[in-house]
C-alpha atoms as a PDB file:
ATOM      1  CA  MET A   1      -9.626 -13.209 -31.097  1.00  0.00           C
ATOM      2  CA  GLU A   2      -8.629 -10.208 -33.236  1.00  0.00           C
ATOM      3  CA  LYS A   3      -5.614 -10.035 -35.581  1.00  0.00           C
ATOM      4  CA  LEU A   4      -3.036  -7.627 -34.711  1.00  0.00           C
ATOM      5  CA  ASN A   5      -1.440  -5.418 -37.113  1.00  0.00           C
ATOM      6  CA  ILE A   6       1.697  -5.497 -38.581  1.00  0.00           C
ATOM      7  CA  GLU A   7       3.670  -2.963 -36.287  1.00  0.00           C
ATOM      8  CA  SER A   8       2.495  -4.539 -32.835  1.00  0.00           C
ATOM      9  CA  ARG A   9       3.554  -7.971 -33.999  1.00  0.00           C
ATOM     10  CA  ARG A  10       7.363  -6.457 -34.649  1.00  0.00           C
ATOM     11  CA  LYS A  11       7.167  -4.814 -31.271  1.00  0.00           C
ATOM     12  CA  ILE A  12       6.248  -8.553 -29.399  1.00  0.00           C
ATOM     13  CA  ASP A  13       8.598  -9.491 -31.162  1.00  0.00           C
ATOM     14  CA  GLU A  14      11.000  -7.411 -30.123  1.00  0.00           C
ATOM     15  CA  ILE A  15      10.196  -7.258 -26.338  1.00  0.00           C
ATOM     16  CA  VAL A  16      10.260 -11.014 -26.581  1.00  0.00           C
ATOM     17  CA  LEU A  17      13.837 -10.710 -28.378  1.00  0.00           C
ATOM     18  CA  LYS A  18      15.015  -8.328 -25.450  1.00  0.00           C
ATOM     19  CA  HIS A  19      14.431 -10.021 -22.460  1.00  0.00           C
ATOM     20  CA  LYS A  20      14.144 -13.953 -23.307  1.00  0.00           C
ATOM     21  CA  ASP A  21      17.552 -14.802 -21.860  1.00  0.00           C
ATOM     22  CA  LYS A  22      17.156 -12.549 -18.636  1.00  0.00           C
ATOM     23  CA  MET A  23      16.216 -14.245 -15.408  1.00  0.00           C
ATOM     24  CA  GLY A  24      12.297 -14.198 -14.780  1.00  0.00           C
ATOM     25  CA  PRO A  25      11.293 -13.430 -18.582  1.00  0.00           C
ATOM     26  CA  VAL A  26       7.695 -13.575 -18.598  1.00  0.00           C
ATOM     27  CA  LYS A  27       6.952 -10.470 -16.384  1.00  0.00           C
ATOM     28  CA  LEU A  28       9.394  -8.435 -17.997  1.00  0.00           C
ATOM     29  CA  MET A  29       8.459  -9.107 -21.255  1.00  0.00           C
ATOM     30  CA  LEU A  30       4.234  -8.719 -20.024  1.00  0.00           C
ATOM     31  CA  HIS A  31       5.221  -5.400 -18.861  1.00  0.00           C
ATOM     32  CA  ASP A  32       6.739  -4.274 -21.648  1.00  0.00           C
ATOM     33  CA  VAL A  33       3.874  -5.558 -24.108  1.00  0.00           C
ATOM     34  CA  GLN A  34       1.504  -3.939 -21.427  1.00  0.00           C
ATOM     35  CA  SER A  35       3.344  -0.502 -21.806  1.00  0.00           C
ATOM     36  CA  GLU A  36       3.579  -0.060 -25.838  1.00  0.00           C
ATOM     37  CA  LEU A  37       0.199  -1.796 -27.077  1.00  0.00           C
ATOM     38  CA  GLY A  38      -1.815  -0.886 -23.800  1.00  0.00           C
ATOM     39  CA  TYR A  39      -3.195  -4.203 -22.956  1.00  0.00           C
ATOM     40  CA  ILE A  40      -1.644  -7.564 -23.635  1.00  0.00           C
ATOM     41  CA  PRO A  41      -3.190  -9.624 -26.388  1.00  0.00           C
ATOM     42  CA  PHE A  42      -3.256 -13.451 -26.505  1.00  0.00           C
ATOM     43  CA  GLU A  43      -1.011 -13.599 -29.503  1.00  0.00           C
ATOM     44  CA  ALA A  44       1.587 -11.790 -27.232  1.00  0.00           C
ATOM     45  CA  MET A  45       1.203 -14.246 -24.472  1.00  0.00           C
ATOM     46  CA  GLU A  46       1.996 -17.192 -27.324  1.00  0.00           C
ATOM     47  CA  LYS A  47       5.231 -15.656 -28.271  1.00  0.00           C
ATOM     48  CA  ILE A  48       6.538 -15.281 -24.600  1.00  0.00           C
ATOM     49  CA  ALA A  49       5.497 -18.623 -23.688  1.00  0.00           C
ATOM     50  CA  GLU A  50       7.456 -19.784 -26.895  1.00  0.00           C
ATOM     51  CA  ALA A  51      10.740 -17.644 -26.014  1.00  0.00           C
ATOM     52  CA  CYS A  52      10.243 -18.783 -22.381  1.00  0.00           C
ATOM     53  CA  ASN A  53       9.977 -22.668 -22.901  1.00  0.00           C
ATOM     54  CA  VAL A  54       6.667 -22.189 -21.071  1.00  0.00           C
ATOM     55  CA  SER A  55       3.023 -23.357 -21.556  1.00  0.00           C
ATOM     56  CA  VAL A  56       0.880 -20.464 -22.656  1.00  0.00           C
ATOM     57  CA  ALA A  57      -1.449 -21.287 -19.904  1.00  0.00           C
ATOM     58  CA  GLU A  58       1.273 -20.102 -17.515  1.00  0.00           C
ATOM     59  CA  VAL A  59       1.594 -17.058 -18.903  1.00  0.00           C
ATOM     60  CA  TYR A  60      -1.816 -16.307 -19.279  1.00  0.00           C
ATOM     61  CA  GLY A  61      -1.670 -17.289 -15.072  1.00  0.00           C
ATOM     62  CA  VAL A  62       0.524 -14.634 -14.642  1.00  0.00           C
ATOM     63  CA  VAL A  63      -1.264 -12.168 -16.836  1.00  0.00           C
ATOM     64  CA  THR A  64      -4.591 -12.968 -14.639  1.00  0.00           C
ATOM     65  CA  PHE A  65      -3.136 -12.981 -11.325  1.00  0.00           C
ATOM     66  CA  TYR A  66      -1.689  -9.511 -11.472  1.00  0.00           C
ATOM     67  CA  THR A  67      -3.738  -6.538 -11.453  1.00  0.00           C
ATOM     68  CA  GLN A  68      -2.176  -4.352 -13.377  1.00  0.00           C
ATOM     69  CA  PHE A  69      -1.909  -6.319 -16.737  1.00  0.00           C
ATOM     70  CA  THR A  70      -5.377  -6.659 -18.951  1.00  0.00           C
ATOM     71  CA  THR A  71      -5.840  -8.662 -22.040  1.00  0.00           C
ATOM     72  CA  GLU A  72      -8.205  -5.724 -23.034  1.00  0.00           C
ATOM     73  CA  PRO A  73      -7.392  -2.440 -24.557  1.00  0.00           C
ATOM     74  CA  LYS A  74      -8.307   0.037 -22.504  1.00  0.00           C
ATOM     75  CA  GLY A  75      -9.514   3.745 -23.357  1.00  0.00           C
ATOM     76  CA  LYS A  76      -7.279   6.540 -23.621  1.00  0.00           C
ATOM     77  CA  CYS A  77      -8.025   7.769 -19.824  1.00  0.00           C
ATOM     78  CA  VAL A  78      -8.228   5.017 -17.471  1.00  0.00           C
ATOM     79  CA  ILE A  79     -10.183   5.723 -13.706  1.00  0.00           C
ATOM     80  CA  ASN A  80      -9.746   3.524 -11.321  1.00  0.00           C
ATOM     81  CA  VAL A  81     -12.379   3.834  -8.246  1.00  0.00           C
ATOM     82  CA  CYS A  82     -11.577   1.976  -4.999  1.00  0.00           C
ATOM     83  CA  MET A  83     -14.178  -0.168  -3.952  1.00  0.00           C
ATOM     84  CA  GLY A  84     -12.433  -1.166  -0.614  1.00  0.00           C
ATOM     85  CA  THR A  85     -14.627  -0.972   2.807  1.00  0.00           C
ATOM     86  CA  ALA A  86     -13.706   1.951   3.717  1.00  0.00           C
ATOM     87  CA  CYS A  87     -13.975   3.980   0.519  1.00  0.00           C
ATOM     88  CA  TYR A  88     -17.680   1.846   0.084  1.00  0.00           C
ATOM     89  CA  VAL A  89     -18.288   3.288   3.070  1.00  0.00           C
ATOM     90  CA  LYS A  90     -17.302   6.845   2.278  1.00  0.00           C
ATOM     91  CA  GLY A  91     -19.793   6.334  -0.991  1.00  0.00           C
ATOM     92  CA  ALA A  92     -17.749   4.683  -3.533  1.00  0.00           C
ATOM     93  CA  GLN A  93     -20.728   3.492  -5.237  1.00  0.00           C
ATOM     94  CA  GLU A  94     -22.430   6.490  -5.769  1.00  0.00           C
ATOM     95  CA  LEU A  95     -19.227   7.947  -6.993  1.00  0.00           C
ATOM     96  CA  ILE A  96     -18.650   5.019  -9.586  1.00  0.00           C
ATOM     97  CA  ASN A  97     -22.410   5.470 -10.625  1.00  0.00           C
ATOM     98  CA  HIS A  98     -22.181   8.967 -11.482  1.00  0.00           C
ATOM     99  CA  ILE A  99     -18.988   8.495 -13.015  1.00  0.00           C
ATOM    100  CA  MET A 100     -20.831   5.834 -15.153  1.00  0.00           C
ATOM    101  CA  ASP A 101     -23.379   8.286 -16.189  1.00  0.00           C
ATOM    102  CA  LEU A 102     -20.907  10.998 -17.007  1.00  0.00           C
ATOM    103  CA  THR A 103     -18.156   8.959 -18.754  1.00  0.00           C
ATOM    104  CA  HIS A 104     -20.569   6.129 -20.321  1.00  0.00           C
ATOM    105  CA  ALA A 105     -17.906   3.623 -19.970  1.00  0.00           C
ATOM    106  CA  PRO A 106     -19.590   0.425 -17.819  1.00  0.00           C
ATOM    107  CA  ILE A 107     -17.773  -0.652 -14.798  1.00  0.00           C
ATOM    108  CA  ASN A 108     -14.838  -2.830 -15.882  1.00  0.00           C
ATOM    109  CA  GLY A 109     -15.124  -1.691 -19.532  1.00  0.00           C
ATOM    110  CA  THR A 110     -14.453   1.169 -22.107  1.00  0.00           C
ATOM    111  CA  SER A 111     -16.676   3.783 -23.360  1.00  0.00           C
ATOM    112  CA  GLU A 112     -18.136   3.048 -26.782  1.00  0.00           C
ATOM    113  CA  ASP A 113     -15.668   6.232 -28.030  1.00  0.00           C
ATOM    114  CA  GLY A 114     -12.471   4.898 -26.847  1.00  0.00           C
ATOM    115  CA  LEU A 115     -12.198   7.863 -24.677  1.00  0.00           C
ATOM    116  CA  PHE A 116     -12.170   6.044 -20.727  1.00  0.00           C
ATOM    117  CA  SER A 117     -11.911   2.558 -19.433  1.00  0.00           C
ATOM    118  CA  LEU A 118     -13.490   2.616 -15.732  1.00  0.00           C
ATOM    119  CA  ASP A 119     -12.684   0.085 -13.213  1.00  0.00           C
ATOM    120  CA  ALA A 120     -13.756  -0.698 -10.042  1.00  0.00           C
ATOM    121  CA  THR A 121     -10.778  -2.159  -8.412  1.00  0.00           C
ATOM    122  CA  ARG A 122     -10.035  -3.542  -4.828  1.00  0.00           C
ATOM    123  CA  CYS A 123      -8.394  -1.772  -1.684  1.00  0.00           C
ATOM    124  CA  LEU A 124      -5.734   0.463  -2.839  1.00  0.00           C
ATOM    125  CA  GLY A 125      -4.404   0.996   0.578  1.00  0.00           C
ATOM    126  CA  ALA A 126      -5.148   4.711   0.927  1.00  0.00           C
ATOM    127  CA  CYS A 127      -8.251   3.712   3.413  1.00  0.00           C
ATOM    128  CA  GLY A 128      -7.474   7.347   5.309  1.00  0.00           C
ATOM    129  CA  LEU A 129      -8.178   9.303   2.087  1.00  0.00           C
ATOM    130  CA  ALA A 130     -11.373   7.234   1.237  1.00  0.00           C
ATOM    131  CA  PRO A 131     -12.962   7.227  -1.486  1.00  0.00           C
ATOM    132  CA  VAL A 132     -10.015   7.163  -3.727  1.00  0.00           C
ATOM    133  CA  VAL A 133      -9.862   7.695  -7.489  1.00  0.00           C
ATOM    134  CA  ILE A 134      -6.617   6.993  -9.468  1.00  0.00           C
ATOM    135  CA  ILE A 135      -7.250   8.762 -13.353  1.00  0.00           C
ATOM    136  CA  ASP A 136      -4.306   8.018 -15.623  1.00  0.00           C
ATOM    137  CA  ASP A 137      -1.965   6.689 -12.651  1.00  0.00           C
ATOM    138  CA  LYS A 138      -3.282   9.895 -10.308  1.00  0.00           C
ATOM    139  CA  VAL A 139      -4.183   9.517  -6.938  1.00  0.00           C
ATOM    140  CA  TYR A 140      -7.069  11.520  -5.976  1.00  0.00           C
ATOM    141  CA  GLY A 141      -8.351  11.546  -2.079  1.00  0.00           C
ATOM    142  CA  ASN A 142     -11.654  12.214  -0.528  1.00  0.00           C
ATOM    143  CA  ALA A 143     -12.986  12.093  -3.866  1.00  0.00           C
ATOM    144  CA  ASN A 144     -16.448  13.257  -4.538  1.00  0.00           C
ATOM    145  CA  GLU A 145     -18.657  14.200  -7.578  1.00  0.00           C
ATOM    146  CA  SER A 146     -17.458  17.714  -7.226  1.00  0.00           C
ATOM    147  CA  ASN A 147     -13.951  17.293  -6.887  1.00  0.00           C
ATOM    148  CA  VAL A 148     -12.988  14.335  -9.400  1.00  0.00           C
ATOM    149  CA  VAL A 149     -15.951  13.944 -11.465  1.00  0.00           C
ATOM    150  CA  GLU A 150     -16.688  17.213 -12.284  1.00  0.00           C
ATOM    151  CA  ASP A 151     -13.248  19.040 -12.305  1.00  0.00           C
ATOM    152  CA  ILE A 152     -11.036  16.225 -13.564  1.00  0.00           C
ATOM    153  CA  ILE A 153     -13.211  13.879 -15.909  1.00  0.00           C
ATOM    154  CA  THR A 154     -15.626  16.997 -17.195  1.00  0.00           C
ATOM    155  CA  LYS A 155     -12.056  18.898 -18.350  1.00  0.00           C
ATOM    156  CA  ILE A 156     -10.900  16.214 -19.868  1.00  0.00           C
ATOM    157  CA  ILE A 157     -14.353  15.289 -21.757  1.00  0.00           C
ATOM    158  CA  GLN A 158     -13.977  19.351 -23.083  1.00  0.00           C
ATOM    159  CA  SER A 159     -10.333  18.739 -24.214  1.00  0.00           C
ATOM    160  CA  GLU A 160     -10.941  16.153 -26.138  1.00  0.00           C
ATOM    161  CA  ARG A 161     -14.028  17.152 -27.835  1.00  0.00           C
ATOM    162  CA  ARG A 162     -11.586  20.224 -28.852  1.00  0.00           C
ATOM    163  CA  HIS A 163      -9.646  17.699 -30.637  1.00  0.00           C
END
């Protein structure tokens, strides 16, 4: 388990203090920690559990139940590919394979350079737009290698290389 830096610990302490006396504070705290750090480290779960008088297992259960929470740091650019039935039938597997090749990010993992995280997700509820890809919270329907992979992801790569 990694050790958090002082700034991350300070942010977690501020978040816990801000929400500890509110109704349903666990989820509020988790949202804020994820927003600040990009993920939820175990140390944050321990502090939240202590502040809310619940077990770490209960907090961990909330983290693992909701798909928006992650216990691993994500890349600078997060790509979600829907693998629901409609998307899968319309080529999501080929699309995700092409994205893996281009970004060098494994499915449900992050590229070594830290630029991309690639997640295969469950149904996103946009079946009429299948296949669907979400890049940094922006939804792209009728996604294909040309309009999403080549146009958008390639531009992200080129932009990052310039910096």
